[in-house]
């Protein structure tokens, strides 16, 4: 009786065939590929979003710096008139891709010292140069040894594609004006190009 029961049990047992094993393995591999593909796609999207945000944040910081510093343009202490660089026609002297101005920074031995500032688009970078000047000095362009410059954006990672300055007089040439600054930049390889603008109203220190 015991021998018969063992034979009967063996007769009803079923194993897994090679074909079934191969199908199960293939399905498992397909599932892993699908999950891996979704993960890699999510990682790629996150990396691209991070790079785009880096460009935008860098541009925002550069424009914020320009806007805050430009608000000092023309400040001349209590002299009753705005400071204008010698040879300039307005408080903020502009071209299509630059702006320059000066303001009183400090008093030294009873005489005024002024800070001369210029922002200029040059060599795929947004450059700023600052120099202490007297009231009679004419603007010295960026790049000249007497007026060294540095980039507002990390030139190793960011490439400036365009920097445009548009001015609109709101009264007389000296009294007030509105400036629209547009900055276009990307990563150094040209990807993730972004454009950002800001407006600056020139202060009247009279």
N, C-alpha and C. Protein backbone atom coordinates (compact mmCIF):
# COMPACT_ATOMS: atom_id res chain seq x y z
N UNK A 1 0.83 -1.20 0.00
CA UNK A 1 0.00 0.00 0.00
C UNK A 1 0.87 1.26 0.00
N UNK A 2 1.93 1.28 0.82
CA UNK A 2 2.82 2.44 0.91
C UNK A 2 3.54 2.66 -0.40
N UNK A 3 3.98 1.55 -1.05
CA UNK A 3 4.68 1.67 -2.33
C UNK A 3 3.76 2.27 -3.37
N UNK A 4 2.50 1.87 -3.37
CA UNK A 4 1.51 2.37 -4.36
C UNK A 4 1.26 3.87 -4.17
N UNK A 5 1.21 4.28 -2.91
CA UNK A 5 0.95 5.70 -2.62
C UNK A 5 2.08 6.58 -3.13
N UNK A 6 3.33 6.14 -2.98
CA UNK A 6 4.47 6.90 -3.46
C UNK A 6 4.45 7.00 -4.96
N UNK A 7 4.13 5.90 -5.64
CA UNK A 7 4.05 5.91 -7.10
C UNK A 7 2.94 6.83 -7.58
N UNK A 8 1.81 6.76 -6.86
CA UNK A 8 0.69 7.63 -7.26
C UNK A 8 1.04 9.10 -7.07
N UNK A 9 1.76 9.44 -5.99
CA UNK A 9 2.15 10.82 -5.73
C UNK A 9 3.10 11.33 -6.79
N UNK A 10 4.05 10.49 -7.16
CA UNK A 10 4.99 10.87 -8.21
C UNK A 10 4.29 11.06 -9.55
N UNK A 11 3.25 10.28 -9.77
CA UNK A 11 2.54 10.35 -11.04
C UNK A 11 1.82 11.69 -11.20
N UNK A 12 1.31 12.24 -10.06
CA UNK A 12 0.55 13.49 -10.12
C UNK A 12 1.42 14.74 -9.96
N UNK A 13 2.69 14.63 -9.64
CA UNK A 13 3.58 15.80 -9.54
C UNK A 13 3.94 16.33 -10.92
N UNK A 14 3.96 17.69 -11.04
CA UNK A 14 4.31 18.33 -12.31
C UNK A 14 5.47 19.30 -12.09
N UNK A 15 6.48 19.30 -12.93
CA UNK A 15 7.60 20.22 -12.84
C UNK A 15 7.42 21.39 -13.81
N UNK A 16 8.42 22.26 -13.87
CA UNK A 16 8.40 23.40 -14.78
C UNK A 16 9.22 23.04 -16.02
N UNK A 17 8.59 23.22 -17.17
CA UNK A 17 9.29 22.88 -18.40
C UNK A 17 10.30 23.98 -18.75
N UNK A 18 11.22 23.65 -19.64
CA UNK A 18 12.23 24.61 -20.08
C UNK A 18 11.60 25.81 -20.78
N UNK A 19 10.54 25.53 -21.56
CA UNK A 19 9.85 26.60 -22.28
C UNK A 19 9.21 27.57 -21.31
N UNK A 20 8.55 27.05 -20.28
CA UNK A 20 7.92 27.90 -19.27
C UNK A 20 8.97 28.74 -18.52
N UNK A 21 10.10 28.12 -18.22
CA UNK A 21 11.17 28.83 -17.53
C UNK A 21 11.71 29.97 -18.39
N UNK A 22 11.86 29.72 -19.68
CA UNK A 22 12.36 30.75 -20.59
C UNK A 22 11.36 31.89 -20.73
N UNK A 23 10.08 31.58 -20.79
CA UNK A 23 9.04 32.61 -20.89
C UNK A 23 9.04 33.49 -19.64
N UNK A 24 9.12 32.84 -18.48
CA UNK A 24 9.12 33.59 -17.22
C UNK A 24 10.35 34.50 -17.13
N UNK A 25 11.50 33.97 -17.55
CA UNK A 25 12.72 34.78 -17.52
C UNK A 25 12.62 35.97 -18.47
N UNK A 26 12.06 35.73 -19.67
CA UNK A 26 11.91 36.81 -20.64
C UNK A 26 10.99 37.90 -20.11
N UNK A 27 9.89 37.49 -19.48
CA UNK A 27 8.96 38.46 -18.91
C UNK A 27 9.63 39.27 -17.79
N UNK A 28 10.44 38.59 -16.99
CA UNK A 28 11.16 39.29 -15.93
C UNK A 28 12.14 40.32 -16.48
N UNK A 29 12.85 39.92 -17.55
CA UNK A 29 13.80 40.83 -18.18
C UNK A 29 13.09 42.04 -18.77
N UNK A 30 11.95 41.80 -19.43
CA UNK A 30 11.17 42.90 -20.01
C UNK A 30 10.71 43.87 -18.93
N UNK A 31 10.26 43.31 -17.80
CA UNK A 31 9.81 44.16 -16.69
C UNK A 31 10.96 45.00 -16.15
N UNK A 32 12.14 44.39 -16.00
CA UNK A 32 13.32 45.13 -15.51
C UNK A 32 13.72 46.24 -16.48
N UNK A 33 13.65 45.92 -17.80
CA UNK A 33 14.00 46.93 -18.81
C UNK A 33 13.03 48.11 -18.73
N UNK A 34 11.73 47.80 -18.57
CA UNK A 34 10.72 48.85 -18.50
C UNK A 34 10.93 49.74 -17.28
N UNK A 35 11.16 49.11 -16.13
CA UNK A 35 11.39 49.88 -14.90
C UNK A 35 12.67 50.70 -15.01
N UNK A 36 13.73 50.09 -15.55
CA UNK A 36 14.99 50.80 -15.73
C UNK A 36 14.85 51.98 -16.69
N UNK A 37 14.06 51.78 -17.77
CA UNK A 37 13.84 52.85 -18.72
C UNK A 37 13.13 54.04 -18.10
N UNK A 38 12.12 53.76 -17.28
CA UNK A 38 11.39 54.83 -16.59
C UNK A 38 12.33 55.57 -15.63
N UNK A 39 13.16 54.81 -14.91
CA UNK A 39 14.09 55.43 -13.97
C UNK A 39 15.10 56.32 -14.68
N UNK A 40 15.68 55.83 -15.77
CA UNK A 40 16.67 56.61 -16.52
C UNK A 40 16.03 57.85 -17.14
N UNK A 41 14.80 57.69 -17.64
CA UNK A 41 14.09 58.83 -18.21
C UNK A 41 13.83 59.91 -17.16
N UNK A 42 13.43 59.47 -15.96
CA UNK A 42 13.19 60.42 -14.86
C UNK A 42 14.48 61.12 -14.46
N UNK A 43 15.58 60.38 -14.42
CA UNK A 43 16.87 60.97 -14.08
C UNK A 43 17.30 62.00 -15.12
N UNK A 44 17.05 61.68 -16.40
CA UNK A 44 17.43 62.61 -17.47
C UNK A 44 16.62 63.89 -17.39
N UNK A 45 15.31 63.76 -17.15
CA UNK A 45 14.43 64.92 -17.03
C UNK A 45 14.85 65.79 -15.85
N UNK A 46 15.17 65.13 -14.72
CA UNK A 46 15.59 65.87 -13.52
C UNK A 46 16.90 66.61 -13.77
N UNK A 47 17.84 65.95 -14.48
CA UNK A 47 19.13 66.58 -14.77
C UNK A 47 18.95 67.78 -15.69
N UNK A 48 18.09 67.65 -16.71
CA UNK A 48 17.84 68.77 -17.62
C UNK A 48 17.16 69.92 -16.91
N UNK A 49 16.22 69.60 -16.03
CA UNK A 49 15.54 70.65 -15.26
C UNK A 49 16.53 71.37 -14.35
N UNK A 50 17.45 70.62 -13.75
CA UNK A 50 18.45 71.21 -12.88
C UNK A 50 19.38 72.14 -13.66
N UNK A 51 19.78 71.73 -14.86
CA UNK A 51 20.65 72.56 -15.68
C UNK A 51 19.93 73.83 -16.14
N UNK A 52 18.66 73.69 -16.51
CA UNK A 52 17.89 74.86 -16.94
C UNK A 52 17.72 75.85 -15.78
N UNK A 53 17.44 75.33 -14.60
CA UNK A 53 17.30 76.19 -13.43
C UNK A 53 18.61 76.89 -13.08
N UNK A 54 19.74 76.19 -13.29
CA UNK A 54 21.04 76.79 -13.03
C UNK A 54 21.27 78.00 -13.93
N UNK A 55 20.92 77.87 -15.21
CA UNK A 55 21.06 78.98 -16.14
C UNK A 55 20.17 80.15 -15.72
N UNK A 56 18.90 79.85 -15.39
CA UNK A 56 17.96 80.90 -15.01
C UNK A 56 18.38 81.60 -13.72
N UNK A 57 18.82 80.83 -12.74
CA UNK A 57 19.25 81.42 -11.47
C UNK A 57 20.49 82.30 -11.67
N UNK A 58 21.42 81.85 -12.50
CA UNK A 58 22.62 82.64 -12.77
C UNK A 58 22.26 83.96 -13.45
N UNK A 59 21.35 83.90 -14.41
CA UNK A 59 20.90 85.10 -15.11
C UNK A 59 20.18 86.04 -14.16
N UNK A 60 19.32 85.48 -13.33
CA UNK A 60 18.56 86.29 -12.37
C UNK A 60 19.49 87.03 -11.41
N UNK A 61 20.52 86.34 -10.92
CA UNK A 61 21.48 86.98 -10.01
C UNK A 61 22.25 88.10 -10.72
N UNK A 62 22.62 87.88 -11.97
CA UNK A 62 23.35 88.90 -12.72
C UNK A 62 22.49 90.14 -12.94
N UNK A 63 21.24 89.95 -13.35
CA UNK A 63 20.36 91.08 -13.59
C UNK A 63 20.01 91.81 -12.29
N UNK A 64 19.87 91.04 -11.21
CA UNK A 64 19.59 91.66 -9.91
C UNK A 64 20.76 92.54 -9.48
N UNK A 65 21.99 92.07 -9.69
CA UNK A 65 23.18 92.85 -9.34
C UNK A 65 23.21 94.15 -10.15
N UNK A 66 22.96 94.05 -11.45
CA UNK A 66 22.97 95.24 -12.31
C UNK A 66 21.89 96.22 -11.85
N UNK A 67 20.71 95.71 -11.59
CA UNK A 67 19.59 96.59 -11.21
C UNK A 67 19.86 97.31 -9.89
N UNK A 68 20.37 96.59 -8.91
CA UNK A 68 20.63 97.20 -7.61
C UNK A 68 21.75 98.24 -7.69
N UNK A 69 22.80 97.92 -8.44
CA UNK A 69 23.92 98.87 -8.52
C UNK A 69 23.55 100.09 -9.36
N UNK A 70 22.76 99.89 -10.40
CA UNK A 70 22.37 100.99 -11.27
C UNK A 70 21.53 102.03 -10.54
N UNK A 71 20.85 101.63 -9.47
CA UNK A 71 20.06 102.57 -8.70
C UNK A 71 20.92 103.66 -8.06
N UNK A 72 22.24 103.42 -7.96
CA UNK A 72 23.15 104.42 -7.40
C UNK A 72 23.64 105.42 -8.45
N UNK A 73 23.38 105.12 -9.71
CA UNK A 73 23.91 105.96 -10.79
C UNK A 73 23.54 107.42 -10.59
N UNK A 74 24.54 108.28 -10.67
CA UNK A 74 24.31 109.72 -10.57
C UNK A 74 24.33 110.28 -9.17
N UNK A 75 24.40 109.42 -8.16
CA UNK A 75 24.40 109.94 -6.78
C UNK A 75 25.61 110.84 -6.57
N UNK A 76 25.36 112.02 -6.03
CA UNK A 76 26.42 113.02 -5.92
C UNK A 76 26.40 113.71 -4.55
N UNK A 77 26.11 112.93 -3.52
CA UNK A 77 26.07 113.47 -2.17
C UNK A 77 25.01 114.55 -2.04
N UNK A 78 25.39 115.65 -1.45
CA UNK A 78 24.48 116.78 -1.26
C UNK A 78 24.82 117.94 -2.18
N UNK A 79 25.35 117.63 -3.35
CA UNK A 79 25.78 118.69 -4.26
C UNK A 79 24.64 119.31 -5.06
N UNK A 80 23.45 118.77 -4.92
CA UNK A 80 22.29 119.36 -5.59
C UNK A 80 22.16 119.05 -7.06
N UNK A 81 23.00 118.16 -7.59
CA UNK A 81 22.89 117.76 -8.98
C UNK A 81 23.44 116.34 -9.14
N UNK A 82 22.95 115.67 -10.16
CA UNK A 82 23.39 114.30 -10.40
C UNK A 82 24.80 114.28 -10.98
N UNK A 83 25.54 113.23 -10.66
CA UNK A 83 26.90 113.08 -11.18
C UNK A 83 26.85 112.44 -12.57
N UNK A 84 27.55 113.04 -13.51
CA UNK A 84 27.64 112.50 -14.87
C UNK A 84 29.11 112.38 -15.23
N UNK A 85 29.48 111.24 -15.78
CA UNK A 85 30.86 111.04 -16.22
C UNK A 85 31.24 112.08 -17.27
N UNK A 86 32.46 112.55 -17.21
CA UNK A 86 32.94 113.54 -18.17
C UNK A 86 32.84 112.98 -19.59
N UNK A 87 32.22 113.75 -20.46
CA UNK A 87 32.06 113.32 -21.85
C UNK A 87 30.77 112.58 -22.11
N UNK A 88 30.03 112.22 -21.06
CA UNK A 88 28.77 111.51 -21.23
C UNK A 88 27.63 112.50 -21.42
N UNK A 89 26.57 112.05 -22.08
CA UNK A 89 25.41 112.90 -22.33
C UNK A 89 24.29 112.68 -21.33
N UNK A 90 24.39 111.62 -20.54
CA UNK A 90 23.34 111.31 -19.57
C UNK A 90 23.96 110.64 -18.36
N UNK A 91 23.17 110.48 -17.32
CA UNK A 91 23.66 109.85 -16.09
C UNK A 91 24.12 108.43 -16.37
N UNK A 92 23.32 107.70 -17.14
CA UNK A 92 23.69 106.34 -17.55
C UNK A 92 23.98 106.38 -19.04
N UNK A 93 25.22 106.16 -19.39
CA UNK A 93 25.63 106.18 -20.80
C UNK A 93 25.48 104.76 -21.35
N UNK A 94 24.77 104.62 -22.47
CA UNK A 94 24.49 103.28 -23.00
C UNK A 94 24.86 103.16 -24.47
N UNK A 95 25.10 101.90 -24.86
CA UNK A 95 25.12 101.51 -26.26
C UNK A 95 24.11 100.36 -26.35
N UNK A 96 24.02 99.72 -27.49
CA UNK A 96 23.07 98.62 -27.63
C UNK A 96 23.46 97.41 -26.78
N UNK A 97 24.74 97.35 -26.35
CA UNK A 97 25.18 96.19 -25.57
C UNK A 97 26.01 96.56 -24.34
N UNK A 98 25.82 97.78 -23.82
CA UNK A 98 26.58 98.18 -22.64
C UNK A 98 25.89 99.34 -21.93
N UNK A 99 26.26 99.54 -20.68
CA UNK A 99 25.84 100.72 -19.94
C UNK A 99 26.93 101.09 -18.94
N UNK A 100 27.10 102.39 -18.72
CA UNK A 100 28.15 102.86 -17.83
C UNK A 100 27.64 104.08 -17.07
N UNK A 101 28.15 104.26 -15.85
CA UNK A 101 27.72 105.37 -15.01
C UNK A 101 28.71 105.53 -13.87
N UNK A 102 28.51 106.56 -13.06
CA UNK A 102 29.33 106.77 -11.88
C UNK A 102 28.48 107.28 -10.74
N UNK A 103 29.00 107.17 -9.52
CA UNK A 103 28.30 107.70 -8.34
C UNK A 103 29.31 107.96 -7.24
N UNK A 104 28.96 108.86 -6.36
CA UNK A 104 29.85 109.19 -5.26
C UNK A 104 29.91 108.00 -4.30
N UNK A 105 31.14 107.57 -4.01
CA UNK A 105 31.31 106.41 -3.16
C UNK A 105 31.75 106.79 -1.76
N UNK A 106 32.64 107.78 -1.65
CA UNK A 106 33.16 108.17 -0.34
C UNK A 106 33.85 109.53 -0.42
N UNK A 107 34.15 110.06 0.75
CA UNK A 107 34.90 111.32 0.84
C UNK A 107 36.30 110.99 1.36
N UNK A 108 37.32 111.57 0.75
CA UNK A 108 38.70 111.32 1.16
C UNK A 108 39.44 112.65 1.29
N UNK A 109 39.76 113.02 2.53
CA UNK A 109 40.49 114.26 2.75
C UNK A 109 39.75 115.49 2.27
N UNK A 110 38.44 115.46 2.37
CA UNK A 110 37.64 116.60 1.96
C UNK A 110 37.26 116.60 0.49
N UNK A 111 37.84 115.67 -0.31
CA UNK A 111 37.49 115.59 -1.74
C UNK A 111 36.65 114.34 -1.99
N UNK A 112 35.81 114.42 -3.02
CA UNK A 112 34.92 113.31 -3.34
C UNK A 112 35.62 112.27 -4.21
N UNK A 113 35.37 111.03 -3.92
CA UNK A 113 35.81 109.93 -4.77
C UNK A 113 34.57 109.26 -5.34
N UNK A 114 34.66 108.90 -6.61
CA UNK A 114 33.52 108.31 -7.29
C UNK A 114 33.87 106.92 -7.79
N UNK A 115 32.84 106.09 -7.86
CA UNK A 115 33.00 104.77 -8.44
C UNK A 115 32.44 104.80 -9.85
N UNK A 116 33.26 104.37 -10.77
CA UNK A 116 32.87 104.30 -12.17
C UNK A 116 32.56 102.83 -12.49
N UNK A 117 31.39 102.58 -13.06
CA UNK A 117 30.95 101.20 -13.32
C UNK A 117 30.54 101.06 -14.78
N UNK A 118 30.86 99.92 -15.37
CA UNK A 118 30.42 99.63 -16.74
C UNK A 118 30.09 98.15 -16.85
N UNK A 119 29.00 97.86 -17.53
CA UNK A 119 28.62 96.49 -17.87
C UNK A 119 28.64 96.40 -19.39
N UNK A 120 29.28 95.36 -19.90
CA UNK A 120 29.41 95.25 -21.35
C UNK A 120 29.40 93.77 -21.77
N UNK A 121 28.80 93.52 -22.91
CA UNK A 121 28.77 92.18 -23.50
C UNK A 121 29.99 92.03 -24.39
N UNK A 122 30.87 91.11 -24.01
CA UNK A 122 32.13 90.94 -24.75
C UNK A 122 32.63 89.51 -24.63
N UNK A 123 33.03 88.93 -25.76
CA UNK A 123 33.61 87.57 -25.80
C UNK A 123 32.69 86.55 -25.13
N UNK A 124 31.39 86.60 -25.47
CA UNK A 124 30.39 85.66 -24.96
C UNK A 124 30.32 85.66 -23.44
N UNK A 125 30.57 86.83 -22.86
CA UNK A 125 30.49 86.99 -21.40
C UNK A 125 29.91 88.36 -21.08
N UNK A 126 29.28 88.47 -19.92
CA UNK A 126 28.78 89.75 -19.44
C UNK A 126 29.79 90.27 -18.43
N UNK A 127 30.52 91.29 -18.82
CA UNK A 127 31.63 91.77 -18.01
C UNK A 127 31.26 93.06 -17.28
N UNK A 128 31.83 93.20 -16.09
CA UNK A 128 31.66 94.41 -15.30
C UNK A 128 33.04 94.92 -14.91
N UNK A 129 33.21 96.23 -14.99
CA UNK A 129 34.46 96.82 -14.51
C UNK A 129 34.13 97.99 -13.60
N UNK A 130 34.88 98.12 -12.54
CA UNK A 130 34.70 99.19 -11.57
C UNK A 130 36.05 99.86 -11.32
N UNK A 131 35.99 101.17 -11.12
CA UNK A 131 37.23 101.91 -10.91
C UNK A 131 36.91 103.18 -10.13
N UNK A 132 37.76 103.54 -9.20
CA UNK A 132 37.61 104.81 -8.48
C UNK A 132 38.10 105.93 -9.38
N UNK A 133 37.29 106.97 -9.50
CA UNK A 133 37.61 108.07 -10.42
C UNK A 133 37.41 109.41 -9.72
N UNK A 134 37.96 110.45 -10.33
CA UNK A 134 37.69 111.82 -9.88
C UNK A 134 36.54 112.37 -10.71
N UNK A 135 36.07 113.54 -10.38
CA UNK A 135 34.92 114.11 -11.08
C UNK A 135 35.23 114.47 -12.52
N UNK A 136 36.50 114.53 -12.90
CA UNK A 136 36.85 114.99 -14.25
C UNK A 136 37.22 113.84 -15.18
N UNK A 137 37.28 112.63 -14.66
CA UNK A 137 37.75 111.54 -15.51
C UNK A 137 36.67 111.06 -16.48
N UNK A 138 37.12 110.74 -17.68
CA UNK A 138 36.24 110.21 -18.71
C UNK A 138 36.15 108.70 -18.57
N UNK A 139 35.04 108.14 -19.00
CA UNK A 139 34.82 106.70 -18.91
C UNK A 139 35.91 105.92 -19.65
N UNK A 140 36.46 104.92 -18.97
CA UNK A 140 37.48 104.04 -19.57
C UNK A 140 36.82 102.70 -19.87
N UNK A 141 36.80 102.25 -21.12
CA UNK A 141 36.10 101.01 -21.47
C UNK A 141 36.66 99.78 -20.76
N UNK A 142 35.81 98.78 -20.64
CA UNK A 142 36.25 97.51 -20.06
C UNK A 142 37.33 96.88 -20.92
N UNK A 143 38.25 96.19 -20.28
CA UNK A 143 39.28 95.47 -21.01
C UNK A 143 40.59 96.21 -21.08
N UNK A 144 40.57 97.53 -20.88
CA UNK A 144 41.82 98.28 -20.87
C UNK A 144 42.51 98.02 -19.53
N UNK A 145 43.82 97.90 -19.55
CA UNK A 145 44.57 97.51 -18.35
C UNK A 145 44.27 98.38 -17.14
N UNK A 146 43.98 99.67 -17.38
CA UNK A 146 43.70 100.57 -16.27
C UNK A 146 42.32 100.31 -15.67
N UNK A 147 41.52 99.53 -16.36
CA UNK A 147 40.15 99.27 -15.92
C UNK A 147 39.82 97.80 -16.13
N UNK A 148 40.39 96.90 -15.34
CA UNK A 148 40.19 95.46 -15.54
C UNK A 148 38.74 95.06 -15.32
N UNK A 149 38.36 93.94 -15.91
CA UNK A 149 36.98 93.48 -15.82
C UNK A 149 36.91 92.04 -15.33
N UNK A 150 35.72 91.66 -14.87
CA UNK A 150 35.46 90.26 -14.52
C UNK A 150 34.06 89.92 -14.97
N UNK A 151 33.78 88.63 -15.14
CA UNK A 151 32.49 88.20 -15.65
C UNK A 151 31.48 88.04 -14.52
N UNK A 152 30.25 88.48 -14.78
CA UNK A 152 29.19 88.31 -13.80
C UNK A 152 28.68 86.87 -13.75
N UNK A 153 28.94 86.12 -14.81
CA UNK A 153 28.50 84.73 -14.89
C UNK A 153 29.71 83.81 -15.02
N UNK A 154 29.59 82.60 -14.53
CA UNK A 154 30.68 81.64 -14.57
C UNK A 154 30.98 81.27 -16.02
N UNK A 155 32.08 81.76 -16.56
CA UNK A 155 32.41 81.52 -17.96
C UNK A 155 32.74 80.06 -18.25
N UNK A 156 33.04 79.29 -17.24
CA UNK A 156 33.32 77.87 -17.44
C UNK A 156 32.04 77.06 -17.66
N UNK A 157 30.91 77.61 -17.24
CA UNK A 157 29.65 76.87 -17.34
C UNK A 157 28.57 77.61 -18.11
N UNK A 158 28.67 78.95 -18.17
CA UNK A 158 27.63 79.75 -18.80
C UNK A 158 28.20 80.55 -19.97
N UNK A 159 27.47 80.56 -21.08
CA UNK A 159 27.84 81.37 -22.24
C UNK A 159 26.74 82.40 -22.46
N UNK A 160 27.14 83.67 -22.55
CA UNK A 160 26.17 84.74 -22.80
C UNK A 160 26.02 84.87 -24.31
N UNK A 161 24.80 84.70 -24.79
CA UNK A 161 24.53 84.76 -26.23
C UNK A 161 24.14 86.17 -26.69
N UNK A 162 23.57 86.96 -25.77
CA UNK A 162 23.20 88.32 -26.14
C UNK A 162 22.94 89.15 -24.88
N UNK A 163 23.29 90.43 -24.96
CA UNK A 163 23.02 91.39 -23.89
C UNK A 163 22.60 92.68 -24.56
N UNK A 164 21.36 93.06 -24.38
CA UNK A 164 20.81 94.21 -25.10
C UNK A 164 20.29 95.25 -24.12
N UNK A 165 20.62 96.51 -24.39
CA UNK A 165 20.17 97.63 -23.56
C UNK A 165 19.38 98.60 -24.43
N UNK A 166 18.15 98.89 -24.03
CA UNK A 166 17.30 99.84 -24.74
C UNK A 166 16.89 100.92 -23.76
N UNK A 167 17.13 102.18 -24.11
CA UNK A 167 16.79 103.29 -23.22
C UNK A 167 15.62 104.09 -23.78
N UNK A 168 14.84 104.64 -22.87
CA UNK A 168 13.70 105.46 -23.24
C UNK A 168 13.64 106.66 -22.29
N UNK A 169 13.82 107.85 -22.85
CA UNK A 169 13.80 109.07 -22.03
C UNK A 169 12.41 109.31 -21.47
N UNK A 170 12.35 109.68 -20.19
CA UNK A 170 11.08 109.98 -19.55
C UNK A 170 10.91 111.47 -19.30
N UNK A 171 11.93 112.23 -19.66
CA UNK A 171 11.89 113.69 -19.47
C UNK A 171 13.06 114.25 -20.23
N UNK A 172 13.79 115.17 -19.63
CA UNK A 172 15.02 115.64 -20.25
C UNK A 172 16.05 114.52 -20.20
N UNK A 173 17.13 114.67 -20.93
CA UNK A 173 18.14 113.62 -21.01
C UNK A 173 18.70 113.27 -19.65
N UNK A 174 18.85 114.27 -18.80
CA UNK A 174 19.49 114.04 -17.51
C UNK A 174 18.50 113.63 -16.43
N UNK A 175 17.27 114.12 -16.53
CA UNK A 175 16.34 113.95 -15.41
C UNK A 175 15.96 112.51 -15.12
N UNK A 176 15.50 111.78 -16.13
CA UNK A 176 15.05 110.41 -15.86
C UNK A 176 14.96 109.62 -17.16
N UNK A 177 15.07 108.32 -17.04
CA UNK A 177 14.96 107.44 -18.20
C UNK A 177 14.62 106.04 -17.75
N UNK A 178 14.06 105.27 -18.67
CA UNK A 178 13.72 103.88 -18.40
C UNK A 178 14.59 103.00 -19.28
N UNK A 179 15.24 102.02 -18.67
CA UNK A 179 16.14 101.12 -19.40
C UNK A 179 15.60 99.70 -19.35
N UNK A 180 15.52 99.08 -20.50
CA UNK A 180 15.13 97.67 -20.59
C UNK A 180 16.36 96.85 -20.94
N UNK A 181 16.71 95.93 -20.07
CA UNK A 181 17.90 95.09 -20.27
C UNK A 181 17.45 93.66 -20.52
N UNK A 182 17.90 93.11 -21.63
CA UNK A 182 17.55 91.73 -21.99
C UNK A 182 18.83 90.89 -22.06
N UNK A 183 18.81 89.80 -21.35
CA UNK A 183 19.98 88.90 -21.28
C UNK A 183 19.58 87.52 -21.80
N UNK A 184 20.38 87.00 -22.72
CA UNK A 184 20.19 85.64 -23.23
C UNK A 184 21.45 84.84 -22.96
N UNK A 185 21.28 83.68 -22.33
CA UNK A 185 22.45 82.87 -21.97
C UNK A 185 22.10 81.39 -22.06
N UNK A 186 23.13 80.57 -22.07
CA UNK A 186 22.96 79.12 -22.13
C UNK A 186 24.12 78.46 -21.41
N UNK A 187 24.08 77.14 -21.34
CA UNK A 187 25.25 76.42 -20.85
C UNK A 187 26.38 76.59 -21.87
N UNK A 188 27.59 76.30 -21.47
CA UNK A 188 28.75 76.53 -22.34
C UNK A 188 28.67 75.75 -23.64
N UNK A 189 27.92 74.63 -23.67
CA UNK A 189 27.78 73.85 -24.89
C UNK A 189 26.63 74.34 -25.77
N UNK A 190 25.97 75.43 -25.34
CA UNK A 190 24.88 76.00 -26.13
C UNK A 190 23.49 75.48 -25.79
N UNK A 191 23.42 74.51 -24.90
CA UNK A 191 22.12 73.94 -24.54
C UNK A 191 21.42 74.77 -23.47
N UNK A 192 20.11 74.56 -23.35
CA UNK A 192 19.28 75.22 -22.34
C UNK A 192 19.35 76.75 -22.41
N UNK A 193 19.26 77.26 -23.61
CA UNK A 193 19.30 78.72 -23.78
C UNK A 193 18.04 79.34 -23.19
N UNK A 194 18.22 80.43 -22.45
CA UNK A 194 17.12 81.13 -21.79
C UNK A 194 17.27 82.63 -22.02
N UNK A 195 16.15 83.33 -21.99
CA UNK A 195 16.14 84.79 -22.13
C UNK A 195 15.37 85.40 -20.96
N UNK A 196 15.94 86.46 -20.41
CA UNK A 196 15.32 87.13 -19.26
C UNK A 196 15.50 88.64 -19.41
N UNK A 197 14.49 89.40 -18.98
CA UNK A 197 14.55 90.85 -19.09
C UNK A 197 14.22 91.51 -17.75
N UNK A 198 14.71 92.73 -17.61
CA UNK A 198 14.36 93.54 -16.44
C UNK A 198 14.34 95.00 -16.87
N UNK A 199 13.61 95.82 -16.12
CA UNK A 199 13.55 97.26 -16.41
C UNK A 199 14.08 98.05 -15.23
N UNK A 200 14.82 99.10 -15.54
CA UNK A 200 15.43 99.95 -14.52
C UNK A 200 15.03 101.39 -14.78
N UNK A 201 14.49 102.05 -13.78
CA UNK A 201 14.17 103.47 -13.90
C UNK A 201 15.28 104.26 -13.24
N UNK A 202 15.89 105.11 -14.04
CA UNK A 202 16.99 105.94 -13.53
C UNK A 202 16.48 106.92 -12.47
N UNK A 203 17.21 106.97 -11.36
CA UNK A 203 16.82 107.89 -10.30
C UNK A 203 17.31 109.31 -10.59
N UNK A 204 16.54 110.26 -10.17
CA UNK A 204 16.91 111.67 -10.33
C UNK A 204 17.39 112.17 -8.98
N UNK A 205 18.68 112.48 -8.90
CA UNK A 205 19.27 112.89 -7.60
C UNK A 205 19.24 114.41 -7.41
N UNK A 206 18.60 115.14 -8.29
CA UNK A 206 18.52 116.59 -8.14
C UNK A 206 17.56 116.95 -7.01
